[in-house]
């Protein structure tokens, strides 16, 4: 995972960025492999996203296990529809509900971080 998205941000970078984790995100749709994992239990389908210097780590739980989808910025595609954000990476996707102020602020931060890394700057 570290090879793909880098080490977690240090404490000073976390303060400078105003936090690196998303609020709880409600999954509305996902790729078949992820959907199969989510359907194994009756819990609510939620996830969270952690920013890393060169990508993101999307985590969700199923059957008391935590699963992670690691997506480098070079493979990440982010789409905004009227009431959802869709994160595409390699062969998987996850669509999450939008609308909450904290969710909107996090995705703006994610887009800024992705744009900053894509123009050739070193990660923070």
Protein backbone atom coordinates (compact mmCIF):
# COMPACT_ATOMS: atom_id res chain seq x y z
CA UNK A 1 0.00 0.00 0.00
CA UNK A 2 2.82 2.41 0.83
CA UNK A 3 4.33 1.81 -2.62
CA UNK A 4 1.10 2.98 -4.29
CA UNK A 5 -0.05 5.95 -2.20
CA UNK A 6 2.78 6.77 0.19
CA UNK A 7 3.14 6.88 3.95
CA UNK A 8 0.40 8.53 6.03
CA UNK A 9 0.77 12.28 6.46
CA UNK A 10 2.66 13.45 9.51
CA UNK A 11 1.05 15.47 12.28
CA UNK A 12 2.11 18.86 10.92
CA UNK A 13 0.78 18.06 7.43
CA UNK A 14 -2.52 16.87 8.93
CA UNK A 15 -2.93 20.21 10.74
CA UNK A 16 -1.93 22.19 7.65
CA UNK A 17 -4.47 20.32 5.51
CA UNK A 18 -7.20 20.64 8.13
CA UNK A 19 -7.52 16.87 8.48
CA UNK A 20 -7.00 14.03 6.04
CA UNK A 21 -10.03 11.82 6.64
CA UNK A 22 -13.53 12.03 5.27
CA UNK A 23 -16.69 11.98 7.35
CA UNK A 24 -18.77 8.80 7.20
CA UNK A 25 -19.79 8.27 3.58
CA UNK A 26 -22.94 6.33 2.65
CA UNK A 27 -22.35 3.90 -0.23
CA UNK A 28 -25.21 3.92 -2.75
CA UNK A 29 -23.62 1.81 -5.48
CA UNK A 30 -20.37 -0.07 -6.10
CA UNK A 31 -18.61 -2.47 -8.43
CA UNK A 32 -19.75 -6.13 -8.22
CA UNK A 33 -16.76 -7.33 -6.17
CA UNK A 34 -17.27 -4.66 -3.52
CA UNK A 35 -21.05 -5.13 -3.56
CA UNK A 36 -20.57 -8.87 -2.91
CA UNK A 37 -18.52 -8.06 0.21
CA UNK A 38 -21.05 -5.49 1.44
CA UNK A 39 -23.97 -7.90 1.02
CA UNK A 40 -22.43 -10.47 3.36
CA UNK A 41 -23.89 -8.70 6.38
CA UNK A 42 -26.94 -6.55 7.17
CA UNK A 43 -25.07 -3.48 8.35
CA UNK A 44 -25.39 -0.08 6.70
CA UNK A 45 -23.06 0.34 3.74
CA UNK A 46 -20.64 3.06 4.77
CA UNK A 47 -17.01 3.88 4.10
CA UNK A 48 -14.42 6.55 4.74
CA UNK A 49 -11.58 7.92 2.65
CA UNK A 50 -8.09 8.79 3.87
CA UNK A 51 -5.89 11.15 1.88
CA UNK A 52 -2.31 10.05 1.33
CA UNK A 53 0.49 11.96 -0.42
CA UNK A 54 0.03 10.09 -3.72
CA UNK A 55 -3.53 8.76 -3.55
CA UNK A 56 -6.38 7.65 -1.33
CA UNK A 57 -7.31 4.67 0.81
CA UNK A 58 -11.04 3.90 0.83
CA UNK A 59 -11.99 1.68 3.77
CA UNK A 60 -15.23 -0.19 4.49
CA UNK A 61 -16.25 -2.99 6.86
CA UNK A 62 -17.96 -6.28 6.21
CA UNK A 63 -18.34 -9.24 8.59
CA UNK A 64 -16.14 -7.60 11.25
CA UNK A 65 -13.27 -7.22 8.76
CA UNK A 66 -11.95 -3.97 7.37
CA UNK A 67 -11.32 -3.89 3.63
CA UNK A 68 -9.32 -1.23 1.80
CA UNK A 69 -9.39 -0.04 -1.78
CA UNK A 70 -6.07 1.68 -2.49
CA UNK A 71 -6.17 4.10 -5.43
CA UNK A 72 -3.18 6.17 -6.58
CA UNK A 73 -4.05 9.63 -7.94
CA UNK A 74 -2.89 8.62 -11.41
CA UNK A 75 -5.67 5.97 -11.50
CA UNK A 76 -8.33 7.96 -9.63
CA UNK A 77 -11.27 9.41 -11.51
CA UNK A 78 -13.74 11.43 -9.51
CA UNK A 79 -17.20 12.25 -10.88
CA UNK A 80 -19.81 14.49 -9.31
CA UNK A 81 -23.45 14.00 -10.16
CA UNK A 82 -26.37 15.88 -8.69
CA UNK A 83 -26.43 14.01 -5.40
CA UNK A 84 -23.44 11.67 -5.43
CA UNK A 85 -19.71 11.36 -5.93
CA UNK A 86 -18.27 8.38 -7.80
CA UNK A 87 -14.70 7.29 -7.17
CA UNK A 88 -13.23 5.12 -9.93
CA UNK A 89 -9.89 3.40 -9.57
CA UNK A 90 -8.45 0.68 -11.78
CA UNK A 91 -11.27 -1.90 -12.03
CA UNK A 92 -13.46 -0.79 -9.12
CA UNK A 93 -15.81 2.05 -8.29
CA UNK A 94 -17.77 3.29 -5.31
CA UNK A 95 -20.60 5.85 -5.43
CA UNK A 96 -21.31 7.75 -2.23
CA UNK A 97 -24.06 10.16 -1.24
CA UNK A 98 -23.24 13.87 -1.43
CA UNK A 99 -24.93 16.96 -0.09
CA UNK A 100 -23.58 17.27 3.43
CA UNK A 101 -21.31 20.29 3.94
CA UNK A 102 -18.51 18.21 5.45
CA UNK A 103 -18.63 15.74 2.54
CA UNK A 104 -18.50 18.56 -0.01
CA UNK A 105 -15.52 20.15 1.79
CA UNK A 106 -13.65 16.85 1.88
CA UNK A 107 -14.13 16.20 -1.84
CA UNK A 108 -12.93 19.74 -2.65
CA UNK A 109 -9.80 19.00 -0.61
CA UNK A 110 -9.38 15.68 -2.44
CA UNK A 111 -9.66 17.37 -5.84
CA UNK A 112 -7.11 20.01 -4.82
CA UNK A 113 -4.67 17.37 -3.58
CA UNK A 114 -5.08 15.35 -6.79
CA UNK A 115 -4.55 18.44 -8.96
CA UNK A 116 -1.49 19.47 -6.94
CA UNK A 117 0.10 16.03 -7.36
CA UNK A 118 -0.79 15.75 -11.04
CA UNK A 119 1.16 18.89 -12.05
CA UNK A 120 4.41 17.31 -10.97
CA UNK A 121 4.77 18.62 -7.44
CA UNK A 122 6.15 16.36 -4.80
CA UNK A 123 3.53 15.18 -2.31
CA UNK A 124 3.23 17.29 0.85
